[in-house]
Amino acid sequence: GEIPNTKRLKKTVGEIQFELLNGHDYKYTQEDL
């Protein structure tokens, strides 16, 4: 499991999803995420 990190100015979908999910188990449904 790699931490997405593209170093772009604007975060990618992968980076955003990782930040939302990492350390936040069972906080989101697929719709919410």
Full PDB file with SEQRES, HELIX, SHEET, SSBOND, CRYST1, ORIGX, SCALE, CONECT and MASTER records, all heavy atoms in Angstrom:
SEQRES   1 A   33  GLY GLU ILE PRO ASN THR LYS ARG LEU LYS LYS THR VAL          
SEQRES   2 A   33  GLY GLU ILE GLN PHE GLU LEU LEU ASN GLY HIS ASP TYR          
SEQRES   3 A   33  LYS TYR THR GLN GLU ASP LEU                                  
HELIX    1 AA1 VAL A   13  LEU A   21  1                                   9    
CRYST1    1.000    1.000    1.000  90.00  90.00  90.00 P 1           1          
ORIGX1      1.000000  0.000000  0.000000        0.00000                         
ORIGX2      0.000000  1.000000  0.000000        0.00000                         
ORIGX3      0.000000  0.000000  1.000000        0.00000                         
SCALE1      1.000000  0.000000  0.000000        0.00000                         
SCALE2      0.000000  1.000000  0.000000        0.00000                         
SCALE3      0.000000  0.000000  1.000000        0.00000                         
ATOM      1  N   GLY A   1       0.840  -1.204   0.000  1.00  0.00           N  
ATOM      2  CA  GLY A   1       0.000   0.000   0.000  1.00  0.00           C  
ATOM      3  C   GLY A   1       0.868   1.244   0.000  1.00  0.00           C  
ATOM      4  O   GLY A   1       1.612   1.486   0.946  1.00  0.00           O  
ATOM      5  N   GLU A   2       0.818   1.985  -1.087  1.00  0.00           N  
ATOM      6  CA  GLU A   2       1.638   3.189  -1.243  1.00  0.00           C  
ATOM      7  C   GLU A   2       0.796   4.437  -0.984  1.00  0.00           C  
ATOM      8  O   GLU A   2      -0.378   4.486  -1.358  1.00  0.00           O  
ATOM      9  CB  GLU A   2       2.178   3.290  -2.671  1.00  0.00           C  
ATOM     10  CG  GLU A   2       3.028   2.141  -3.110  1.00  0.00           C  
ATOM     11  CD  GLU A   2       3.376   2.220  -4.592  1.00  0.00           C  
ATOM     12  OE1 GLU A   2       3.310   3.319  -5.193  1.00  0.00           O  
ATOM     13  OE2 GLU A   2       3.700   1.170  -5.154  1.00  0.00           O  
ATOM     14  N   ILE A   3       1.401   5.429  -0.387  1.00  0.00           N  
ATOM     15  CA  ILE A   3       0.719   6.711  -0.183  1.00  0.00           C  
ATOM     16  C   ILE A   3       0.804   7.488  -1.490  1.00  0.00           C  
ATOM     17  O   ILE A   3       1.903   7.776  -1.969  1.00  0.00           O  
ATOM     18  CB  ILE A   3       1.368   7.517   0.960  1.00  0.00           C  
ATOM     19  CG1 ILE A   3       1.248   6.742   2.268  1.00  0.00           C  
ATOM     20  CG2 ILE A   3       0.733   8.897   1.080  1.00  0.00           C  
ATOM     21  CD1 ILE A   3       2.019   7.334   3.420  1.00  0.00           C  
ATOM     22  N   PRO A   4      -0.339   7.810  -2.094  1.00  0.00           N  
ATOM     23  CA  PRO A   4      -0.303   8.585  -3.339  1.00  0.00           C  
ATOM     24  C   PRO A   4       0.335   9.960  -3.091  1.00  0.00           C  
ATOM     25  O   PRO A   4      -0.051  10.664  -2.167  1.00  0.00           O  
ATOM     26  CB  PRO A   4      -1.780   8.749  -3.713  1.00  0.00           C  
ATOM     27  CG  PRO A   4      -2.493   7.695  -2.951  1.00  0.00           C  
ATOM     28  CD  PRO A   4      -1.693   7.470  -1.705  1.00  0.00           C  
ATOM     29  N   ASN A   5       1.303  10.301  -3.895  1.00  0.00           N  
ATOM     30  CA  ASN A   5       1.969  11.587  -3.745  1.00  0.00           C  
ATOM     31  C   ASN A   5       2.556  11.989  -5.086  1.00  0.00           C  
ATOM     32  O   ASN A   5       3.660  11.586  -5.427  1.00  0.00           O  
ATOM     33  CB  ASN A   5       3.064  11.515  -2.676  1.00  0.00           C  
ATOM     34  CG  ASN A   5       3.653  12.876  -2.379  1.00  0.00           C  
ATOM     35  OD1 ASN A   5       3.261  13.885  -2.964  1.00  0.00           O  
ATOM     36  ND2 ASN A   5       4.600  12.912  -1.473  1.00  0.00           N  
ATOM     37  N   THR A   6       1.810  12.786  -5.835  1.00  0.00           N  
ATOM     38  CA  THR A   6       2.263  13.178  -7.172  1.00  0.00           C  
ATOM     39  C   THR A   6       3.055  14.477  -7.157  1.00  0.00           C  
ATOM     40  O   THR A   6       3.644  14.833  -8.153  1.00  0.00           O  
ATOM     41  CB  THR A   6       1.062  13.353  -8.120  1.00  0.00           C  
ATOM     42  OG1 THR A   6       0.208  14.376  -7.599  1.00  0.00           O  
ATOM     43  CG2 THR A   6       0.296  12.055  -8.272  1.00  0.00           C  
ATOM     44  N   LYS A   7       3.027  15.183  -6.041  1.00  0.00           N  
ATOM     45  CA  LYS A   7       3.725  16.466  -5.903  1.00  0.00           C  
ATOM     46  C   LYS A   7       3.182  17.528  -6.863  1.00  0.00           C  
ATOM     47  O   LYS A   7       3.853  18.498  -7.177  1.00  0.00           O  
ATOM     48  CB  LYS A   7       5.222  16.290  -6.059  1.00  0.00           C  
ATOM     49  CG  LYS A   7       5.852  15.396  -4.997  1.00  0.00           C  
ATOM     50  CD  LYS A   7       7.346  15.386  -5.125  1.00  0.00           C  
ATOM     51  CE  LYS A   7       8.109  14.576  -4.165  1.00  0.00           C  
ATOM     52  NZ  LYS A   7       7.646  13.674  -3.261  1.00  0.00           N  
ATOM     53  N   ARG A   8       1.970  17.310  -7.340  1.00  0.00           N  
ATOM     54  CA  ARG A   8       1.328  18.328  -8.186  1.00  0.00           C  
ATOM     55  C   ARG A   8       0.734  19.414  -7.301  1.00  0.00           C  
ATOM     56  O   ARG A   8       0.449  19.185  -6.128  1.00  0.00           O  
ATOM     57  CB  ARG A   8       0.202  17.706  -9.006  1.00  0.00           C  
ATOM     58  CG  ARG A   8       0.670  16.717 -10.019  1.00  0.00           C  
ATOM     59  CD  ARG A   8      -0.501  16.169 -10.782  1.00  0.00           C  
ATOM     60  NE  ARG A   8      -0.072  15.074 -11.643  1.00  0.00           N  
ATOM     61  CZ  ARG A   8      -0.892  14.292 -12.278  1.00  0.00           C  
ATOM     62  NH1 ARG A   8      -2.203  14.445 -12.154  1.00  0.00           N  
ATOM     63  NH2 ARG A   8      -0.439  13.324 -13.046  1.00  0.00           N  
ATOM     64  N   LEU A   9       0.502  20.568  -7.883  1.00  0.00           N  
ATOM     65  CA  LEU A   9      -0.117  21.663  -7.149  1.00  0.00           C  
ATOM     66  C   LEU A   9      -1.535  21.284  -6.729  1.00  0.00           C  
ATOM     67  O   LEU A   9      -1.920  21.476  -5.576  1.00  0.00           O  
ATOM     68  CB  LEU A   9      -0.155  22.908  -8.048  1.00  0.00           C  
ATOM     69  CG  LEU A   9       0.287  24.226  -7.428  1.00  0.00           C  
ATOM     70  CD1 LEU A   9       1.515  24.095  -6.575  1.00  0.00           C  
ATOM     71  CD2 LEU A   9       0.426  25.281  -8.483  1.00  0.00           C  
ATOM     72  N   LYS A  10      -2.286  20.743  -7.670  1.00  0.00           N  
ATOM     73  CA  LYS A  10      -3.657  20.310  -7.380  1.00  0.00           C  
ATOM     74  C   LYS A  10      -3.633  18.822  -7.057  1.00  0.00           C  
ATOM     75  O   LYS A  10      -3.057  18.026  -7.807  1.00  0.00           O  
ATOM     76  CB  LYS A  10      -4.542  20.566  -8.605  1.00  0.00           C  
ATOM     77  CG  LYS A  10      -5.986  20.209  -8.402  1.00  0.00           C  
ATOM     78  CD  LYS A  10      -6.808  20.488  -9.652  1.00  0.00           C  
ATOM     79  CE  LYS A  10      -8.230  20.038  -9.436  1.00  0.00           C  
ATOM     80  NZ  LYS A  10      -9.036  20.187 -10.636  1.00  0.00           N  
ATOM     81  N   LYS A  11      -4.260  18.442  -5.943  1.00  0.00           N  
ATOM     82  CA  LYS A  11      -4.275  17.036  -5.539  1.00  0.00           C  
ATOM     83  C   LYS A  11      -5.064  16.192  -6.535  1.00  0.00           C  
ATOM     84  O   LYS A  11      -6.073  16.622  -7.073  1.00  0.00           O  
ATOM     85  CB  LYS A  11      -4.885  16.887  -4.150  1.00  0.00           C  
ATOM     86  CG  LYS A  11      -3.999  17.436  -3.067  1.00  0.00           C  
ATOM     87  CD  LYS A  11      -4.610  17.232  -1.711  1.00  0.00           C  
ATOM     88  CE  LYS A  11      -3.697  17.848  -0.672  1.00  0.00           C  
ATOM     89  NZ  LYS A  11      -4.260  17.744   0.657  1.00  0.00           N  
ATOM     90  N   THR A  12      -4.582  14.970  -6.733  1.00  0.00           N  
ATOM     91  CA  THR A  12      -5.265  14.028  -7.614  1.00  0.00           C  
ATOM     92  C   THR A  12      -6.408  13.355  -6.856  1.00  0.00           C  
ATOM     93  O   THR A  12      -6.485  13.419  -5.625  1.00  0.00           O  
ATOM     94  CB  THR A  12      -4.299  12.943  -8.112  1.00  0.00           C  
ATOM     95  OG1 THR A  12      -3.881  12.161  -6.983  1.00  0.00           O  
ATOM     96  CG2 THR A  12      -3.094  13.534  -8.829  1.00  0.00           C  
ATOM     97  N   VAL A  13      -7.274  12.665  -7.594  1.00  0.00           N  
ATOM     98  CA  VAL A  13      -8.365  11.911  -6.988  1.00  0.00           C  
ATOM     99  C   VAL A  13      -7.810  10.878  -6.008  1.00  0.00           C  
ATOM    100  O   VAL A  13      -8.317  10.723  -4.895  1.00  0.00           O  
ATOM    101  CB  VAL A  13      -9.239  11.243  -8.079  1.00  0.00           C  
ATOM    102  CG1 VAL A  13     -10.177  10.212  -7.476  1.00  0.00           C  
ATOM    103  CG2 VAL A  13     -10.020  12.301  -8.849  1.00  0.00           C  
ATOM    104  N   GLY A  14      -6.743  10.186  -6.394  1.00  0.00           N  
ATOM    105  CA  GLY A  14      -6.129   9.199  -5.516  1.00  0.00           C  
ATOM    106  C   GLY A  14      -5.624   9.807  -4.211  1.00  0.00           C  
ATOM    107  O   GLY A  14      -5.803   9.235  -3.133  1.00  0.00           O  
ATOM    108  N   GLU A  15      -4.981  10.943  -4.306  1.00  0.00           N  
ATOM    109  CA  GLU A  15      -4.473  11.619  -3.106  1.00  0.00           C  
ATOM    110  C   GLU A  15      -5.624  12.044  -2.189  1.00  0.00           C  
ATOM    111  O   GLU A  15      -5.550  11.862  -0.973  1.00  0.00           O  
ATOM    112  CB  GLU A  15      -3.636  12.837  -3.500  1.00  0.00           C  
ATOM    113  CG  GLU A  15      -2.308  12.476  -4.110  1.00  0.00           C  
ATOM    114  CD  GLU A  15      -1.580  13.663  -4.710  1.00  0.00           C  
ATOM    115  OE1 GLU A  15      -2.216  14.493  -5.397  1.00  0.00           O  
ATOM    116  OE2 GLU A  15      -0.364  13.748  -4.500  1.00  0.00           O  
ATOM    117  N   ILE A  16      -6.665  12.589  -2.774  1.00  0.00           N  
ATOM    118  CA  ILE A  16      -7.819  13.028  -1.981  1.00  0.00           C  
ATOM    119  C   ILE A  16      -8.491  11.840  -1.308  1.00  0.00           C  
ATOM    120  O   ILE A  16      -8.775  11.875  -0.101  1.00  0.00           O  
ATOM    121  CB  ILE A  16      -8.823  13.805  -2.861  1.00  0.00           C  
ATOM    122  CG1 ILE A  16      -8.218  15.129  -3.318  1.00  0.00           C  
ATOM    123  CG2 ILE A  16     -10.137  14.039  -2.105  1.00  0.00           C  
ATOM    124  CD1 ILE A  16      -8.997  15.829  -4.421  1.00  0.00           C  
ATOM    125  N   GLN A  17      -8.734  10.781  -2.058  1.00  0.00           N  
ATOM    126  CA  GLN A  17      -9.381   9.611  -1.476  1.00  0.00           C  
ATOM    127  C   GLN A  17      -8.535   9.006  -0.365  1.00  0.00           C  
ATOM    128  O   GLN A  17      -9.061   8.614   0.682  1.00  0.00           O  
ATOM    129  CB  GLN A  17      -9.688   8.567  -2.553  1.00  0.00           C  
ATOM    130  CG  GLN A  17     -10.812   8.987  -3.462  1.00  0.00           C  
ATOM    131  CD  GLN A  17     -11.077   8.021  -4.585  1.00  0.00           C  
ATOM    132  OE1 GLN A  17     -10.260   7.167  -4.918  1.00  0.00           O  
ATOM    133  NE2 GLN A  17     -12.245   8.153  -5.200  1.00  0.00           N  
ATOM    134  N   PHE A  18      -7.232   8.936  -0.559  1.00  0.00           N  
ATOM    135  CA  PHE A  18      -6.361   8.401   0.482  1.00  0.00           C  
ATOM    136  C   PHE A  18      -6.456   9.250   1.745  1.00  0.00           C  
ATOM    137  O   PHE A  18      -6.585   8.722   2.855  1.00  0.00           O  
ATOM    138  CB  PHE A  18      -4.906   8.322   0.001  1.00  0.00           C  
ATOM    139  CG  PHE A  18      -3.994   7.759   1.045  1.00  0.00           C  
ATOM    140  CD1 PHE A  18      -3.899   6.385   1.223  1.00  0.00           C  
ATOM    141  CD2 PHE A  18      -3.258   8.589   1.872  1.00  0.00           C  
ATOM    142  CE1 PHE A  18      -3.076   5.851   2.207  1.00  0.00           C  
ATOM    143  CE2 PHE A  18      -2.436   8.075   2.859  1.00  0.00           C  
ATOM    144  CZ  PHE A  18      -2.347   6.699   3.026  1.00  0.00           C  
ATOM    145  N   GLU A  19      -6.387  10.562   1.596  1.00  0.00           N  
ATOM    146  CA  GLU A  19      -6.466  11.456   2.757  1.00  0.00           C  
ATOM    147  C   GLU A  19      -7.795  11.316   3.486  1.00  0.00           C  
ATOM    148  O   GLU A  19      -7.838  11.366   4.717  1.00  0.00           O  
ATOM    149  CB  GLU A  19      -6.236  12.904   2.330  1.00  0.00           C  
ATOM    150  CG  GLU A  19      -4.792  13.187   1.968  1.00  0.00           C  
ATOM    151  CD  GLU A  19      -4.563  14.593   1.456  1.00  0.00           C  
ATOM    152  OE1 GLU A  19      -5.515  15.415   1.449  1.00  0.00           O  
ATOM    153  OE2 GLU A  19      -3.414  14.887   1.054  1.00  0.00           O  
ATOM    154  N   LEU A  20      -8.878  11.142   2.744  1.00  0.00           N  
ATOM    155  CA  LEU A  20     -10.189  10.986   3.371  1.00  0.00           C  
ATOM    156  C   LEU A  20     -10.302   9.653   4.122  1.00  0.00           C  
ATOM    157  O   LEU A  20     -10.919   9.588   5.183  1.00  0.00           O  
ATOM    158  CB  LEU A  20     -11.303  11.092   2.321  1.00  0.00           C  
ATOM    159  CG  LEU A  20     -11.534  12.473   1.716  1.00  0.00           C  
ATOM    160  CD1 LEU A  20     -12.497  12.385   0.538  1.00  0.00           C  
ATOM    161  CD2 LEU A  20     -12.065  13.444   2.767  1.00  0.00           C  
ATOM    162  N   LEU A  21      -9.717   8.600   3.573  1.00  0.00           N  
ATOM    163  CA  LEU A  21      -9.873   7.265   4.154  1.00  0.00           C  
ATOM    164  C   LEU A  21      -8.817   6.895   5.193  1.00  0.00           C  
ATOM    165  O   LEU A  21      -9.118   6.181   6.155  1.00  0.00           O  
ATOM    166  CB  LEU A  21      -9.860   6.205   3.047  1.00  0.00           C  
ATOM    167  CG  LEU A  21     -11.065   6.202   2.122  1.00  0.00           C  
ATOM    168  CD1 LEU A  21     -10.865   5.219   0.984  1.00  0.00           C  
ATOM    169  CD2 LEU A  21     -12.329   5.885   2.901  1.00  0.00           C  
ATOM    170  N   ASN A  22      -7.592   7.319   4.999  1.00  0.00           N  
ATOM    171  CA  ASN A  22      -6.507   6.908   5.883  1.00  0.00           C  
ATOM    172  C   ASN A  22      -6.748   7.405   7.310  1.00  0.00           C  
ATOM    173  O   ASN A  22      -6.825   8.596   7.557  1.00  0.00           O  
ATOM    174  CB  ASN A  22      -5.166   7.427   5.364  1.00  0.00           C  
ATOM    175  CG  ASN A  22      -4.004   6.867   6.134  1.00  0.00           C  
ATOM    176  OD1 ASN A  22      -3.988   5.698   6.489  1.00  0.00           O  
ATOM    177  ND2 ASN A  22      -3.021   7.712   6.390  1.00  0.00           N  
ATOM    178  N   GLY A  23      -6.873   6.460   8.229  1.00  0.00           N  
ATOM    179  CA  GLY A  23      -7.113   6.817   9.626  1.00  0.00           C  
ATOM    180  C   GLY A  23      -8.562   7.123   9.946  1.00  0.00           C  
ATOM    181  O   GLY A  23      -8.869   7.555  11.056  1.00  0.00           O  
ATOM    182  N   HIS A  24      -9.435   6.948   8.975  1.00  0.00           N  
ATOM    183  CA  HIS A  24     -10.860   7.238   9.177  1.00  0.00           C  
ATOM    184  C   HIS A  24     -11.695   6.024   8.796  1.00  0.00           C  
ATOM    185  O   HIS A  24     -12.606   6.107   7.957  1.00  0.00           O  
ATOM    186  CB  HIS A  24     -11.288   8.455   8.348  1.00  0.00           C  
ATOM    187  CG  HIS A  24     -10.480   9.682   8.647  1.00  0.00           C  
ATOM    188  ND1 HIS A  24     -10.652  10.425   9.779  1.00  0.00           N  
ATOM    189  CD2 HIS A  24      -9.470  10.265   7.973  1.00  0.00           C  
ATOM    190  CE1 HIS A  24      -9.789  11.428   9.795  1.00  0.00           C  
ATOM    191  NE2 HIS A  24      -9.055  11.344   8.693  1.00  0.00           N  
ATOM    192  N   ASP A  25     -11.378   4.888   9.404  1.00  0.00           N  
ATOM    193  CA  ASP A  25     -12.090   3.644   9.111  1.00  0.00           C  
ATOM    194  C   ASP A  25     -13.589   3.795   9.363  1.00  0.00           C  
ATOM    195  O   ASP A  25     -13.999   4.315  10.405  1.00  0.00           O  
ATOM    196  CB  ASP A  25     -11.559   2.508   9.986  1.00  0.00           C  
ATOM    197  CG  ASP A  25     -10.091   2.200   9.717  1.00  0.00           C  
ATOM    198  OD1 ASP A  25      -9.549   2.702   8.716  1.00  0.00           O  
ATOM    199  OD2 ASP A  25      -9.511   1.452  10.515  1.00  0.00           O  
ATOM    200  N   TYR A  26     -14.348   3.346   8.416  1.00  0.00           N  
ATOM    201  CA  TYR A  26     -15.813   3.271   8.506  1.00  0.00           C  
ATOM    202  C   TYR A  26     -16.485   4.637   8.714  1.00  0.00           C  
ATOM    203  O   TYR A  26     -17.556   4.719   9.289  1.00  0.00           O  
ATOM    204  CB  TYR A  26     -16.233   2.284   9.602  1.00  0.00           C  
ATOM    205  CG  TYR A  26     -15.553   0.951   9.471  1.00  0.00           C  
ATOM    206  CD1 TYR A  26     -14.660   0.503  10.434  1.00  0.00           C  
ATOM    207  CD2 TYR A  26     -15.772   0.147   8.356  1.00  0.00           C  
ATOM    208  CE1 TYR A  26     -14.008  -0.721  10.303  1.00  0.00           C  
ATOM    209  CE2 TYR A  26     -15.130  -1.078   8.216  1.00  0.00           C  
ATOM    210  CZ  TYR A  26     -14.250  -1.494   9.189  1.00  0.00           C  
ATOM    211  OH  TYR A  26     -13.614  -2.691   9.059  1.00  0.00           O  
ATOM    212  N   LYS A  27     -15.868   5.679   8.208  1.00  0.00           N  
ATOM    213  CA  LYS A  27     -16.472   7.019   8.288  1.00  0.00           C  
ATOM    214  C   LYS A  27     -17.341   7.302   7.062  1.00  0.00           C  
ATOM    215  O   LYS A  27     -18.338   8.001   7.155  1.00  0.00           O  
ATOM    216  CB  LYS A  27     -15.377   8.083   8.395  1.00  0.00           C  
ATOM    217  CG  LYS A  27     -15.928   9.493   8.460  1.00  0.00           C  
ATOM    218  CD  LYS A  27     -14.839  10.529   8.637  1.00  0.00           C  
ATOM    219  CE  LYS A  27     -15.435  11.929   8.675  1.00  0.00           C  
ATOM    220  NZ  LYS A  27     -14.412  12.960   8.819  1.00  0.00           N  
ATOM    221  N   TYR A  28     -16.944   6.748   5.907  1.00  0.00           N  
ATOM    222  CA  TYR A  28     -17.609   7.060   4.642  1.00  0.00           C  
ATOM    223  C   TYR A  28     -18.240   5.837   4.002  1.00  0.00           C  
ATOM    224  O   TYR A  28     -17.682   4.753   4.042  1.00  0.00           O  
ATOM    225  CB  TYR A  28     -16.600   7.628   3.635  1.00  0.00           C  
ATOM    226  CG  TYR A  28     -15.971   8.923   4.054  1.00  0.00           C  
ATOM    227  CD1 TYR A  28     -14.698   8.956   4.626  1.00  0.00           C  
ATOM    228  CD2 TYR A  28     -16.640  10.121   3.877  1.00  0.00           C  
ATOM    229  CE1 TYR A  28     -14.121  10.148   5.011  1.00  0.00           C  
ATOM    230  CE2 TYR A  28     -16.066  11.323   4.260  1.00  0.00           C  
ATOM    231  CZ  TYR A  28     -14.809  11.336   4.828  1.00  0.00           C  
ATOM    232  OH  TYR A  28     -14.234  12.522   5.211  1.00  0.00           O  
ATOM    233  N   THR A  29     -19.379   6.072   3.357  1.00  0.00           N  
ATOM    234  CA  THR A  29     -19.915   5.088   2.414  1.00  0.00           C  
ATOM    235  C   THR A  29     -19.298   5.423   1.069  1.00  0.00           C  
ATOM    236  O   THR A  29     -18.648   6.467   0.912  1.00  0.00           O  
ATOM    237  CB  THR A  29     -21.453   5.182   2.307  1.00  0.00           C  
ATOM    238  OG1 THR A  29     -21.789   6.471   1.774  1.00  0.00           O  
ATOM    239  CG2 THR A  29     -22.138   4.960   3.650  1.00  0.00           C  
ATOM    240  N   GLN A  30     -19.503   4.573   0.083  1.00  0.00           N  
ATOM    241  CA  GLN A  30     -18.984   4.878  -1.244  1.00  0.00           C  
ATOM    242  C   GLN A  30     -19.572   6.191  -1.759  1.00  0.00           C  
ATOM    243  O   GLN A  30     -18.857   7.042  -2.287  1.00  0.00           O  
ATOM    244  CB  GLN A  30     -19.282   3.749  -2.230  1.00  0.00           C  
ATOM    245  CG  GLN A  30     -18.814   4.094  -3.632  1.00  0.00           C  
ATOM    246  CD  GLN A  30     -18.979   2.988  -4.626  1.00  0.00           C  
ATOM    247  OE1 GLN A  30     -17.989   2.460  -5.081  1.00  0.00           O  
ATOM    248  NE2 GLN A  30     -20.196   2.628  -4.968  1.00  0.00           N  
ATOM    249  N   GLU A  31     -20.880   6.386  -1.600  1.00  0.00           N  
ATOM    250  CA  GLU A  31     -21.521   7.634  -2.041  1.00  0.00           C  
ATOM    251  C   GLU A  31     -20.867   8.837  -1.385  1.00  0.00           C  
ATOM    252  O   GLU A  31     -20.552   9.821  -2.055  1.00  0.00           O  
ATOM    253  CB  GLU A  31     -23.013   7.632  -1.666  1.00  0.00           C  
ATOM    254  CG  GLU A  31     -23.909   7.030  -2.678  1.00  0.00           C  
ATOM    255  CD  GLU A  31     -25.380   7.112  -2.265  1.00  0.00           C  
ATOM    256  OE1 GLU A  31     -25.737   7.811  -1.290  1.00  0.00           O  
ATOM    257  OE2 GLU A  31     -26.183   6.467  -2.948  1.00  0.00           O  
ATOM    258  N   ASP A  32     -20.695   8.775  -0.053  1.00  0.00           N  
ATOM    259  CA  ASP A  32     -20.095   9.890   0.687  1.00  0.00           C  
ATOM    260  C   ASP A  32     -18.683  10.171   0.188  1.00  0.00           C  
ATOM    261  O   ASP A  32     -18.304  11.325  -0.025  1.00  0.00           O  
ATOM    262  CB  ASP A  32     -20.012   9.577   2.182  1.00  0.00           C  
ATOM    263  CG  ASP A  32     -21.360   9.399   2.849  1.00  0.00           C  
ATOM    264  OD1 ASP A  32     -22.366   9.906   2.323  1.00  0.00           O  
ATOM    265  OD2 ASP A  32     -21.394   8.731   3.910  1.00  0.00           O  
ATOM    266  N   LEU A  33     -17.912   9.111   0.019  1.00  0.00           N  
ATOM    267  CA  LEU A  33     -16.522   9.255  -0.405  1.00  0.00           C  
ATOM    268  C   LEU A  33     -16.422   9.854  -1.807  1.00  0.00           C  
ATOM    269  O   LEU A  33     -15.638  10.773  -2.048  1.00  0.00           O  
ATOM    270  CB  LEU A  33     -15.803   7.912  -0.357  1.00  0.00           C  
ATOM    271  CG  LEU A  33     -14.333   7.939  -0.759  1.00  0.00           C  
ATOM    272  CD1 LEU A  33     -13.525   8.807   0.198  1.00  0.00           C  
ATOM    273  CD2 LEU A  33     -13.778   6.532  -0.801  1.00  0.00           C  
TER     274      LEU A  33                                                      
MASTER        0    0    0    1    0    0    0    6  273    1    0    3          
END                                                                             
